[in-house]
Amino acid sequence: MEDLTDEEEVPASQSTENRVLPAPAPRREKTNEELQEELRNLQEQMKALQEQLKVTTIKQTASPARLQK
């Protein structure tokens, strides 16, 4: 029984170590190209969200008008 417990604890400690290792990666400075690409992606997301908001706003404004008629 003790052997099973020991075996179960080993992967847990390994997974903890694995979680710690990737942490330094985001800390490295991004290159100008990487930042520009990220900016472009965020701008595209923002445009898509603005379009969704516009469509939703139009639908919400149109709905009460139909109810009033």
PDB file of N, CA and C in Angstrom:
ATOM      1  N   MET A   1       0.816  -1.198   0.000  1.00  0.00           N
ATOM      2  CA  MET A   1       0.000   0.000   0.000  1.00  0.00           C
ATOM      3  C   MET A   1       0.860   1.263   0.000  1.00  0.00           C
ATOM      4  N   GLU A   2       1.932   1.267   0.767  1.00  0.00           N
ATOM      5  CA  GLU A   2       2.791   2.441   0.823  1.00  0.00           C
ATOM      6  C   GLU A   2       3.436   2.727  -0.519  1.00  0.00           C
ATOM      7  N   ASP A   3       3.749   1.672  -1.276  1.00  0.00           N
ATOM      8  CA  ASP A   3       4.353   1.861  -2.591  1.00  0.00           C
ATOM      9  C   ASP A   3       3.420   2.636  -3.513  1.00  0.00           C
ATOM     10  N   LEU A   4       2.131   2.318  -3.463  1.00  0.00           N
ATOM     11  CA  LEU A   4       1.168   3.011  -4.311  1.00  0.00           C
ATOM     12  C   LEU A   4       1.098   4.491  -3.956  1.00  0.00           C
ATOM     13  N   THR A   5       1.114   4.788  -2.672  1.00  0.00           N
ATOM     14  CA  THR A   5       1.070   6.177  -2.235  1.00  0.00           C
ATOM     15  C   THR A   5       2.296   6.934  -2.722  1.00  0.00           C
ATOM     16  N   ASP A   6       3.458   6.295  -2.613  1.00  0.00           N
ATOM     17  CA  ASP A   6       4.686   6.938  -3.075  1.00  0.00           C
ATOM     18  C   ASP A   6       4.632   7.206  -4.576  1.00  0.00           C
ATOM     19  N   GLU A   7       4.104   6.246  -5.330  1.00  0.00           N
ATOM     20  CA  GLU A   7       4.017   6.419  -6.780  1.00  0.00           C
ATOM     21  C   GLU A   7       3.061   7.550  -7.141  1.00  0.00           C
ATOM     22  N   GLU A   8       1.985   7.687  -6.376  1.00  0.00           N
ATOM     23  CA  GLU A   8       1.026   8.746  -6.648  1.00  0.00           C
ATOM     24  C   GLU A   8       1.618  10.117  -6.355  1.00  0.00           C
ATOM     25  N   GLU A   9       2.480  10.194  -5.358  1.00  0.00           N
ATOM     26  CA  GLU A   9       3.068  11.475  -4.995  1.00  0.00           C
ATOM     27  C   GLU A   9       4.098  11.947  -6.013  1.00  0.00           C
ATOM     28  N   VAL A  10       4.786  11.034  -6.660  1.00  0.00           N
ATOM     29  CA  VAL A  10       5.833  11.414  -7.608  1.00  0.00           C
ATOM     30  C   VAL A  10       5.271  12.214  -8.781  1.00  0.00           C
ATOM     31  N   PRO A  11       4.208  11.746  -9.462  1.00  0.00           N
ATOM     32  CA  PRO A  11       3.685  12.557 -10.571  1.00  0.00           C
ATOM     33  C   PRO A  11       3.188  13.925 -10.107  1.00  0.00           C
ATOM     34  N   ALA A  12       2.646  13.991  -8.905  1.00  0.00           N
ATOM     35  CA  ALA A  12       2.162  15.272  -8.408  1.00  0.00           C
ATOM     36  C   ALA A  12       3.306  16.267  -8.286  1.00  0.00           C
ATOM     37  N   SER A  13       4.437  15.819  -7.760  1.00  0.00           N
ATOM     38  CA  SER A  13       5.576  16.725  -7.625  1.00  0.00           C
ATOM     39  C   SER A  13       6.143  17.069  -9.000  1.00  0.00           C
ATOM     40  N   GLN A  14       6.097  16.120  -9.926  1.00  0.00           N
ATOM     41  CA  GLN A  14       6.585  16.392 -11.278  1.00  0.00           C
ATOM     42  C   GLN A  14       5.705  17.430 -11.962  1.00  0.00           C
ATOM     43  N   SER A  15       4.389  17.306 -11.779  1.00  0.00           N
ATOM     44  CA  SER A  15       3.503  18.272 -12.414  1.00  0.00           C
ATOM     45  C   SER A  15       3.712  19.662 -11.812  1.00  0.00           C
ATOM     46  N   THR A  16       4.021  19.726 -10.530  1.00  0.00           N
ATOM     47  CA  THR A  16       4.314  21.011  -9.905  1.00  0.00           C
ATOM     48  C   THR A  16       5.571  21.613 -10.515  1.00  0.00           C
ATOM     49  N   GLU A  17       6.577  20.771 -10.738  1.00  0.00           N
ATOM     50  CA  GLU A  17       7.808  21.258 -11.360  1.00  0.00           C
ATOM     51  C   GLU A  17       7.533  21.734 -12.780  1.00  0.00           C
ATOM     52  N   ASN A  18       6.690  21.019 -13.497  1.00  0.00           N
ATOM     53  CA  ASN A  18       6.363  21.406 -14.866  1.00  0.00           C
ATOM     54  C   ASN A  18       5.647  22.749 -14.901  1.00  0.00           C
ATOM     55  N   ARG A  19       4.845  23.018 -13.907  1.00  0.00           N
ATOM     56  CA  ARG A  19       4.139  24.297 -13.869  1.00  0.00           C
ATOM     57  C   ARG A  19       5.113  25.452 -13.627  1.00  0.00           C
ATOM     58  N   VAL A  20       6.133  25.195 -12.863  1.00  0.00           N
ATOM     59  CA  VAL A  20       7.099  26.242 -12.531  1.00  0.00           C
ATOM     60  C   VAL A  20       7.996  26.554 -13.724  1.00  0.00           C
ATOM     61  N   LEU A  21       8.366  25.567 -14.507  1.00  0.00           N
ATOM     62  CA  LEU A  21       9.305  25.765 -15.610  1.00  0.00           C
ATOM     63  C   LEU A  21       8.817  26.747 -16.678  1.00  0.00           C
ATOM     64  N   PRO A  22       7.579  26.678 -17.159  1.00  0.00           N
ATOM     65  CA  PRO A  22       7.166  27.600 -18.223  1.00  0.00           C
ATOM     66  C   PRO A  22       7.028  29.053 -17.773  1.00  0.00           C
ATOM     67  N   ALA A  23       6.972  29.314 -16.492  1.00  0.00           N
ATOM     68  CA  ALA A  23       6.745  30.664 -15.987  1.00  0.00           C
ATOM     69  C   ALA A  23       7.733  31.702 -16.525  1.00  0.00           C
ATOM     70  N   PRO A  24       9.032  31.424 -16.599  1.00  0.00           N
ATOM     71  CA  PRO A  24       9.957  32.447 -17.098  1.00  0.00           C
ATOM     72  C   PRO A  24       9.737  32.825 -18.563  1.00  0.00           C
ATOM     73  N   ALA A  25       9.131  31.976 -19.358  1.00  0.00           N
ATOM     74  CA  ALA A  25       8.952  32.252 -20.785  1.00  0.00           C
ATOM     75  C   ALA A  25       8.213  33.568 -21.052  1.00  0.00           C
ATOM     76  N   PRO A  26       7.063  33.832 -20.397  1.00  0.00           N
ATOM     77  CA  PRO A  26       6.379  35.102 -20.673  1.00  0.00           C
ATOM     78  C   PRO A  26       7.168  36.330 -20.222  1.00  0.00           C
ATOM     79  N   ARG A  27       8.122  36.160 -19.344  1.00  0.00           N
ATOM     80  CA  ARG A  27       8.893  37.293 -18.832  1.00  0.00           C
ATOM     81  C   ARG A  27       9.884  37.839 -19.854  1.00  0.00           C
ATOM     82  N   ARG A  28      10.257  37.017 -20.852  1.00  0.00           N
ATOM     83  CA  ARG A  28      11.226  37.509 -21.834  1.00  0.00           C
ATOM     84  C   ARG A  28      10.589  38.637 -22.628  1.00  0.00           C
ATOM     85  N   GLU A  29      11.394  39.586 -23.014  1.00  0.00           N
ATOM     86  CA  GLU A  29      10.867  40.731 -23.746  1.00  0.00           C
ATOM     87  C   GLU A  29      10.443  40.310 -25.140  1.00  0.00           C
ATOM     88  N   LYS A  30       9.300  40.813 -25.563  1.00  0.00           N
ATOM     89  CA  LYS A  30       8.812  40.490 -26.895  1.00  0.00           C
ATOM     90  C   LYS A  30       9.497  41.399 -27.904  1.00  0.00           C
ATOM     91  N   THR A  31       9.719  40.862 -29.073  1.00  0.00           N
ATOM     92  CA  THR A  31      10.326  41.670 -30.123  1.00  0.00           C
ATOM     93  C   THR A  31       9.291  42.642 -30.668  1.00  0.00           C
ATOM     94  N   ASN A  32       9.753  43.631 -31.378  1.00  0.00           N
ATOM     95  CA  ASN A  32       8.863  44.616 -31.965  1.00  0.00           C
ATOM     96  C   ASN A  32       7.858  43.939 -32.896  1.00  0.00           C
ATOM     97  N   GLU A  33       8.327  42.964 -33.675  1.00  0.00           N
ATOM     98  CA  GLU A  33       7.440  42.251 -34.598  1.00  0.00           C
ATOM     99  C   GLU A  33       6.348  41.500 -33.850  1.00  0.00           C
ATOM    100  N   GLU A  34       6.723  40.860 -32.747  1.00  0.00           N
ATOM    101  CA  GLU A  34       5.735  40.129 -31.951  1.00  0.00           C
ATOM    102  C   GLU A  34       4.695  41.078 -31.373  1.00  0.00           C
ATOM    103  N   LEU A  35       5.146  42.229 -30.907  1.00  0.00           N
ATOM    104  CA  LEU A  35       4.219  43.213 -30.353  1.00  0.00           C
ATOM    105  C   LEU A  35       3.282  43.752 -31.426  1.00  0.00           C
ATOM    106  N   GLN A  36       3.829  44.008 -32.622  1.00  0.00           N
ATOM    107  CA  GLN A  36       2.992  44.502 -33.709  1.00  0.00           C
ATOM    108  C   GLN A  36       1.958  43.463 -34.127  1.00  0.00           C
ATOM    109  N   GLU A  37       2.359  42.199 -34.161  1.00  0.00           N
ATOM    110  CA  GLU A  37       1.425  41.128 -34.515  1.00  0.00           C
ATOM    111  C   GLU A  37       0.322  41.014 -33.467  1.00  0.00           C
ATOM    112  N   GLU A  38       0.707  41.107 -32.204  1.00  0.00           N
ATOM    113  CA  GLU A  38      -0.272  41.048 -31.122  1.00  0.00           C
ATOM    114  C   GLU A  38      -1.241  42.228 -31.219  1.00  0.00           C
ATOM    115  N   LEU A  39      -0.715  43.402 -31.524  1.00  0.00           N
ATOM    116  CA  LEU A  39      -1.547  44.585 -31.683  1.00  0.00           C
ATOM    117  C   LEU A  39      -2.542  44.397 -32.823  1.00  0.00           C
ATOM    118  N   ARG A  40      -2.062  43.880 -33.958  1.00  0.00           N
ATOM    119  CA  ARG A  40      -2.958  43.634 -35.097  1.00  0.00           C
ATOM    120  C   ARG A  40      -4.070  42.660 -34.719  1.00  0.00           C
ATOM    121  N   ASN A  41      -3.705  41.598 -34.019  1.00  0.00           N
ATOM    122  CA  ASN A  41      -4.704  40.614 -33.604  1.00  0.00           C
ATOM    123  C   ASN A  41      -5.743  41.234 -32.678  1.00  0.00           C
ATOM    124  N   LEU A  42      -5.288  42.040 -31.734  1.00  0.00           N
ATOM    125  CA  LEU A  42      -6.211  42.686 -30.803  1.00  0.00           C
ATOM    126  C   LEU A  42      -7.112  43.685 -31.523  1.00  0.00           C
ATOM    127  N   GLN A  43      -6.561  44.399 -32.498  1.00  0.00           N
ATOM    128  CA  GLN A  43      -7.369  45.344 -33.264  1.00  0.00           C
ATOM    129  C   GLN A  43      -8.441  44.616 -34.069  1.00  0.00           C
ATOM    130  N   GLU A  44      -8.083  43.467 -34.634  1.00  0.00           N
ATOM    131  CA  GLU A  44      -9.062  42.677 -35.380  1.00  0.00           C
ATOM    132  C   GLU A  44     -10.168  42.184 -34.458  1.00  0.00           C
ATOM    133  N   GLN A  45      -9.790  41.736 -33.272  1.00  0.00           N
ATOM    134  CA  GLN A  45     -10.782  41.292 -32.294  1.00  0.00           C
ATOM    135  C   GLN A  45     -11.701  42.446 -31.911  1.00  0.00           C
ATOM    136  N   MET A  46     -11.111  43.620 -31.711  1.00  0.00           N
ATOM    137  CA  MET A  46     -11.887  44.788 -31.327  1.00  0.00           C
ATOM    138  C   MET A  46     -12.893  45.149 -32.420  1.00  0.00           C
ATOM    139  N   LYS A  47     -12.464  45.116 -33.678  1.00  0.00           N
ATOM    140  CA  LYS A  47     -13.369  45.415 -34.785  1.00  0.00           C
ATOM    141  C   LYS A  47     -14.522  44.422 -34.826  1.00  0.00           C
ATOM    142  N   ALA A  48     -14.206  43.139 -34.643  1.00  0.00           N
ATOM    143  CA  ALA A  48     -15.245  42.108 -34.663  1.00  0.00           C
ATOM    144  C   ALA A  48     -16.243  42.333 -33.526  1.00  0.00           C
ATOM    145  N   LEU A  49     -15.739  42.673 -32.346  1.00  0.00           N
ATOM    146  CA  LEU A  49     -16.612  42.921 -31.202  1.00  0.00           C
ATOM    147  C   LEU A  49     -17.463  44.171 -31.417  1.00  0.00           C
ATOM    148  N   GLN A  50     -16.887  45.195 -32.039  1.00  0.00           N
ATOM    149  CA  GLN A  50     -17.651  46.406 -32.325  1.00  0.00           C
ATOM    150  C   GLN A  50     -18.783  46.112 -33.301  1.00  0.00           C
ATOM    151  N   GLU A  51     -18.513  45.266 -34.296  1.00  0.00           N
ATOM    152  CA  GLU A  51     -19.550  44.880 -35.253  1.00  0.00           C
ATOM    153  C   GLU A  51     -20.665  44.112 -34.550  1.00  0.00           C
ATOM    154  N   GLN A  52     -20.289  43.196 -33.667  1.00  0.00           N
ATOM    155  CA  GLN A  52     -21.292  42.441 -32.911  1.00  0.00           C
ATOM    156  C   GLN A  52     -22.134  43.379 -32.062  1.00  0.00           C
ATOM    157  N   LEU A  53     -21.488  44.340 -31.430  1.00  0.00           N
ATOM    158  CA  LEU A  53     -22.191  45.303 -30.593  1.00  0.00           C
ATOM    159  C   LEU A  53     -23.163  46.131 -31.426  1.00  0.00           C
ATOM    160  N   LYS A  54     -22.704  46.546 -32.601  1.00  0.00           N
ATOM    161  CA  LYS A  54     -23.545  47.334 -33.492  1.00  0.00           C
ATOM    162  C   LYS A  54     -24.786  46.543 -33.892  1.00  0.00           C
ATOM    163  N   VAL A  55     -24.599  45.285 -34.275  1.00  0.00           N
ATOM    164  CA  VAL A  55     -25.717  44.430 -34.678  1.00  0.00           C
ATOM    165  C   VAL A  55     -26.676  44.231 -33.509  1.00  0.00           C
ATOM    166  N   THR A  56     -26.138  43.982 -32.331  1.00  0.00           N
ATOM    167  CA  THR A  56     -26.969  43.774 -31.148  1.00  0.00           C
ATOM    168  C   THR A  56     -27.752  45.035 -30.815  1.00  0.00           C
ATOM    169  N   THR A  57     -27.107  46.178 -30.899  1.00  0.00           N
ATOM    170  CA  THR A  57     -27.764  47.446 -30.608  1.00  0.00           C
ATOM    171  C   THR A  57     -28.892  47.699 -31.598  1.00  0.00           C
ATOM    172  N   ILE A  58     -28.644  47.423 -32.863  1.00  0.00           N
ATOM    173  CA  ILE A  58     -29.670  47.613 -33.892  1.00  0.00           C
ATOM    174  C   ILE A  58     -30.861  46.699 -33.618  1.00  0.00           C
ATOM    175  N   LYS A  59     -30.602  45.448 -33.268  1.00  0.00           N
ATOM    176  CA  LYS A  59     -31.688  44.506 -32.982  1.00  0.00           C
ATOM    177  C   LYS A  59     -32.491  44.955 -31.771  1.00  0.00           C
ATOM    178  N   GLN A  60     -31.815  45.449 -30.737  1.00  0.00           N
ATOM    179  CA  GLN A  60     -32.511  45.872 -29.522  1.00  0.00           C
ATOM    180  C   GLN A  60     -33.343  47.124 -29.776  1.00  0.00           C
ATOM    181  N   THR A  61     -32.843  48.014 -30.603  1.00  0.00           N
ATOM    182  CA  THR A  61     -33.599  49.236 -30.901  1.00  0.00           C
ATOM    183  C   THR A  61     -34.760  48.912 -31.824  1.00  0.00           C
ATOM    184  N   ALA A  62     -34.602  47.948 -32.694  1.00  0.00           N
ATOM    185  CA  ALA A  62     -35.661  47.583 -33.627  1.00  0.00           C
ATOM    186  C   ALA A  62     -36.785  46.837 -32.911  1.00  0.00           C
ATOM    187  N   SER A  63     -36.477  46.055 -31.929  1.00  0.00           N
ATOM    188  CA  SER A  63     -37.489  45.255 -31.233  1.00  0.00           C
ATOM    189  C   SER A  63     -38.553  46.108 -30.547  1.00  0.00           C
ATOM    190  N   PRO A  64     -38.223  47.107 -29.742  1.00  0.00           N
ATOM    191  CA  PRO A  64     -39.263  47.930 -29.109  1.00  0.00           C
ATOM    192  C   PRO A  64     -40.101  48.682 -30.140  1.00  0.00           C
ATOM    193  N   ALA A  65     -39.520  49.082 -31.240  1.00  0.00           N
ATOM    194  CA  ALA A  65     -40.266  49.794 -32.274  1.00  0.00           C
ATOM    195  C   ALA A  65     -41.346  48.888 -32.855  1.00  0.00           C
ATOM    196  N   ARG A  66     -41.043  47.639 -33.033  1.00  0.00           N
ATOM    197  CA  ARG A  66     -42.032  46.697 -33.560  1.00  0.00           C
ATOM    198  C   ARG A  66     -43.156  46.483 -32.552  1.00  0.00           C
ATOM    199  N   LEU A  67     -42.830  46.450 -31.271  1.00  0.00           N
ATOM    200  CA  LEU A  67     -43.837  46.238 -30.248  1.00  0.00           C
ATOM    201  C   LEU A  67     -44.786  47.431 -30.147  1.00  0.00           C
ATOM    202  N   GLN A  68     -44.293  48.628 -30.385  1.00  0.00           N
ATOM    203  CA  GLN A  68     -45.116  49.828 -30.285  1.00  0.00           C
ATOM    204  C   GLN A  68     -46.131  49.909 -31.416  1.00  0.00           C
ATOM    205  N   LYS A  69     -45.792  49.391 -32.585  1.00  0.00           N
ATOM    206  CA  LYS A  69     -46.717  49.434 -33.727  1.00  0.00           C
ATOM    207  C   LYS A  69     -47.844  48.514 -33.458  1.00  0.00           C
TER     208      LYS A  69
END
